[in-house]
Amino acid sequence: MRAQLAAVDLADTAHRRRERGDVPGWVLITLMTAGLVAVLWTVAEDQLQALFRRAMDSVSR
């Protein structure tokens, strides 16, 4: 009985390790996305503000 419980516990622990996910991959994706947003905002700030103003004006009319 103890051997069976130990085997189940070992299998459960291994399953949890596999399900942990790729944390460094998610961190990299998040940082790259933040970098892209910062670059796009820097390059196109005036155009984005004008686009937002036009959109808000068209909704408020």
N, C-alpha and C. Protein backbone atom coordinates (compact mmCIF):
# COMPACT_ATOMS: atom_id res chain seq x y z
N MET A 1 0.82 -1.19 0.00
CA MET A 1 0.00 0.00 0.00
C MET A 1 0.87 1.26 0.00
N ARG A 2 1.88 1.27 0.84
CA ARG A 2 2.78 2.43 0.88
C ARG A 2 3.50 2.62 -0.44
N ALA A 3 3.88 1.52 -1.06
CA ALA A 3 4.57 1.61 -2.35
C ALA A 3 3.66 2.23 -3.41
N GLN A 4 2.38 1.86 -3.37
CA GLN A 4 1.44 2.43 -4.33
C GLN A 4 1.25 3.93 -4.09
N LEU A 5 1.13 4.32 -2.83
CA LEU A 5 0.99 5.74 -2.51
C LEU A 5 2.23 6.52 -2.91
N ALA A 6 3.40 5.93 -2.69
CA ALA A 6 4.64 6.59 -3.08
C ALA A 6 4.71 6.75 -4.60
N ALA A 7 4.27 5.74 -5.33
CA ALA A 7 4.28 5.81 -6.79
C ALA A 7 3.32 6.88 -7.30
N VAL A 8 2.14 6.96 -6.67
CA VAL A 8 1.16 7.98 -7.07
C VAL A 8 1.71 9.37 -6.76
N ASP A 9 2.33 9.53 -5.60
CA ASP A 9 2.90 10.82 -5.23
C ASP A 9 4.02 11.21 -6.18
N LEU A 10 4.86 10.27 -6.55
CA LEU A 10 5.95 10.54 -7.48
C LEU A 10 5.41 10.94 -8.85
N ALA A 11 4.39 10.25 -9.32
CA ALA A 11 3.80 10.58 -10.62
C ALA A 11 3.15 11.96 -10.58
N ASP A 12 2.49 12.28 -9.46
CA ASP A 12 1.85 13.59 -9.32
C ASP A 12 2.88 14.71 -9.31
N THR A 13 3.99 14.49 -8.62
CA THR A 13 5.06 15.48 -8.57
C THR A 13 5.66 15.70 -9.96
N ALA A 14 5.89 14.63 -10.69
CA ALA A 14 6.43 14.75 -12.04
C ALA A 14 5.45 15.49 -12.95
N HIS A 15 4.17 15.21 -12.81
CA HIS A 15 3.15 15.88 -13.62
C HIS A 15 3.13 17.38 -13.34
N ARG A 16 3.23 17.76 -12.07
CA ARG A 16 3.24 19.18 -11.72
C ARG A 16 4.46 19.88 -12.29
N ARG A 17 5.60 19.20 -12.32
CA ARG A 17 6.80 19.81 -12.89
C ARG A 17 6.62 20.07 -14.38
N ARG A 18 6.00 19.13 -15.08
CA ARG A 18 5.78 19.30 -16.52
C ARG A 18 4.78 20.42 -16.79
N GLU A 19 3.81 20.61 -15.93
CA GLU A 19 2.77 21.61 -16.12
C GLU A 19 3.20 23.01 -15.68
N ARG A 20 4.40 23.14 -15.20
CA ARG A 20 4.86 24.41 -14.65
C ARG A 20 4.92 25.50 -15.72
N GLY A 21 5.22 25.15 -16.93
CA GLY A 21 5.27 26.13 -18.01
C GLY A 21 6.67 26.66 -18.23
N ASP A 22 6.76 27.47 -19.24
CA ASP A 22 8.05 28.03 -19.64
C ASP A 22 8.12 29.47 -19.15
N VAL A 23 8.48 29.65 -17.89
CA VAL A 23 8.50 30.99 -17.29
C VAL A 23 9.47 31.92 -18.01
N PRO A 24 10.70 31.52 -18.29
CA PRO A 24 11.60 32.44 -19.00
C PRO A 24 11.06 32.85 -20.37
N GLY A 25 10.36 31.96 -21.03
CA GLY A 25 9.76 32.31 -22.31
C GLY A 25 8.71 33.39 -22.18
N TRP A 26 7.86 33.28 -21.16
CA TRP A 26 6.84 34.30 -20.93
C TRP A 26 7.46 35.63 -20.55
N VAL A 27 8.51 35.59 -19.77
CA VAL A 27 9.19 36.83 -19.39
C VAL A 27 9.77 37.50 -20.63
N LEU A 28 10.38 36.72 -21.49
CA LEU A 28 10.96 37.26 -22.72
C LEU A 28 9.88 37.87 -23.62
N ILE A 29 8.77 37.17 -23.76
CA ILE A 29 7.67 37.69 -24.59
C ILE A 29 7.14 39.00 -24.02
N THR A 30 6.99 39.06 -22.70
CA THR A 30 6.49 40.28 -22.06
C THR A 30 7.44 41.44 -22.27
N LEU A 31 8.73 41.20 -22.08
CA LEU A 31 9.72 42.27 -22.26
C LEU A 31 9.79 42.73 -23.71
N MET A 32 9.73 41.79 -24.65
CA MET A 32 9.77 42.17 -26.06
C MET A 32 8.53 42.97 -26.45
N THR A 33 7.38 42.58 -25.93
CA THR A 33 6.15 43.32 -26.22
C THR A 33 6.23 44.74 -25.67
N ALA A 34 6.71 44.87 -24.45
CA ALA A 34 6.86 46.20 -23.85
C ALA A 34 7.84 47.04 -24.67
N GLY A 35 8.91 46.43 -25.14
CA GLY A 35 9.87 47.16 -25.97
C GLY A 35 9.27 47.62 -27.29
N LEU A 36 8.50 46.74 -27.93
CA LEU A 36 7.85 47.13 -29.18
C LEU A 36 6.86 48.27 -28.97
N VAL A 37 6.09 48.21 -27.90
CA VAL A 37 5.13 49.28 -27.62
C VAL A 37 5.87 50.59 -27.38
N ALA A 38 6.97 50.55 -26.64
CA ALA A 38 7.73 51.77 -26.37
C ALA A 38 8.30 52.36 -27.66
N VAL A 39 8.82 51.52 -28.52
CA VAL A 39 9.39 52.00 -29.79
C VAL A 39 8.29 52.58 -30.68
N LEU A 40 7.18 51.86 -30.81
CA LEU A 40 6.08 52.37 -31.64
C LEU A 40 5.52 53.68 -31.08
N TRP A 41 5.39 53.76 -29.77
CA TRP A 41 4.87 54.99 -29.17
C TRP A 41 5.82 56.15 -29.43
N THR A 42 7.12 55.91 -29.33
CA THR A 42 8.10 56.97 -29.56
C THR A 42 8.06 57.45 -31.01
N VAL A 43 7.97 56.52 -31.93
CA VAL A 43 8.01 56.86 -33.35
C VAL A 43 6.70 57.51 -33.81
N ALA A 44 5.57 57.01 -33.33
CA ALA A 44 4.28 57.44 -33.88
C ALA A 44 3.40 58.15 -32.86
N GLU A 45 3.99 58.83 -31.90
CA GLU A 45 3.19 59.46 -30.84
C GLU A 45 2.19 60.48 -31.39
N ASP A 46 2.64 61.36 -32.27
CA ASP A 46 1.75 62.38 -32.81
C ASP A 46 0.60 61.76 -33.62
N GLN A 47 0.92 60.78 -34.45
CA GLN A 47 -0.11 60.12 -35.25
C GLN A 47 -1.11 59.38 -34.37
N LEU A 48 -0.63 58.73 -33.32
CA LEU A 48 -1.53 58.01 -32.42
C LEU A 48 -2.45 58.97 -31.67
N GLN A 49 -1.92 60.10 -31.25
CA GLN A 49 -2.76 61.08 -30.55
C GLN A 49 -3.81 61.66 -31.49
N ALA A 50 -3.42 61.94 -32.73
CA ALA A 50 -4.38 62.47 -33.70
C ALA A 50 -5.46 61.43 -34.01
N LEU A 51 -5.07 60.19 -34.14
CA LEU A 51 -6.02 59.11 -34.39
C LEU A 51 -7.01 58.99 -33.22
N PHE A 52 -6.51 59.08 -32.02
CA PHE A 52 -7.37 58.99 -30.83
C PHE A 52 -8.34 60.17 -30.78
N ARG A 53 -7.84 61.37 -31.06
CA ARG A 53 -8.71 62.55 -31.05
C ARG A 53 -9.83 62.43 -32.09
N ARG A 54 -9.47 61.99 -33.30
CA ARG A 54 -10.48 61.81 -34.35
C ARG A 54 -11.52 60.78 -33.94
N ALA A 55 -11.06 59.69 -33.34
CA ALA A 55 -12.00 58.65 -32.91
C ALA A 55 -12.94 59.17 -31.82
N MET A 56 -12.40 59.90 -30.87
CA MET A 56 -13.23 60.45 -29.79
C MET A 56 -14.20 61.50 -30.33
N ASP A 57 -13.75 62.31 -31.27
CA ASP A 57 -14.63 63.32 -31.87
C ASP A 57 -15.78 62.66 -32.64
N SER A 58 -15.48 61.57 -33.35
CA SER A 58 -16.53 60.91 -34.12
C SER A 58 -17.56 60.23 -33.20
N VAL A 59 -17.15 59.81 -32.04
CA VAL A 59 -18.07 59.17 -31.11
C VAL A 59 -18.92 60.21 -30.39
N SER A 60 -18.33 61.34 -30.06
CA SER A 60 -19.03 62.35 -29.27
C SER A 60 -20.01 63.18 -30.09
N ARG A 61 -19.99 63.08 -31.39
CA ARG A 61 -20.91 63.86 -32.24
C ARG A 61 -22.26 63.24 -32.31
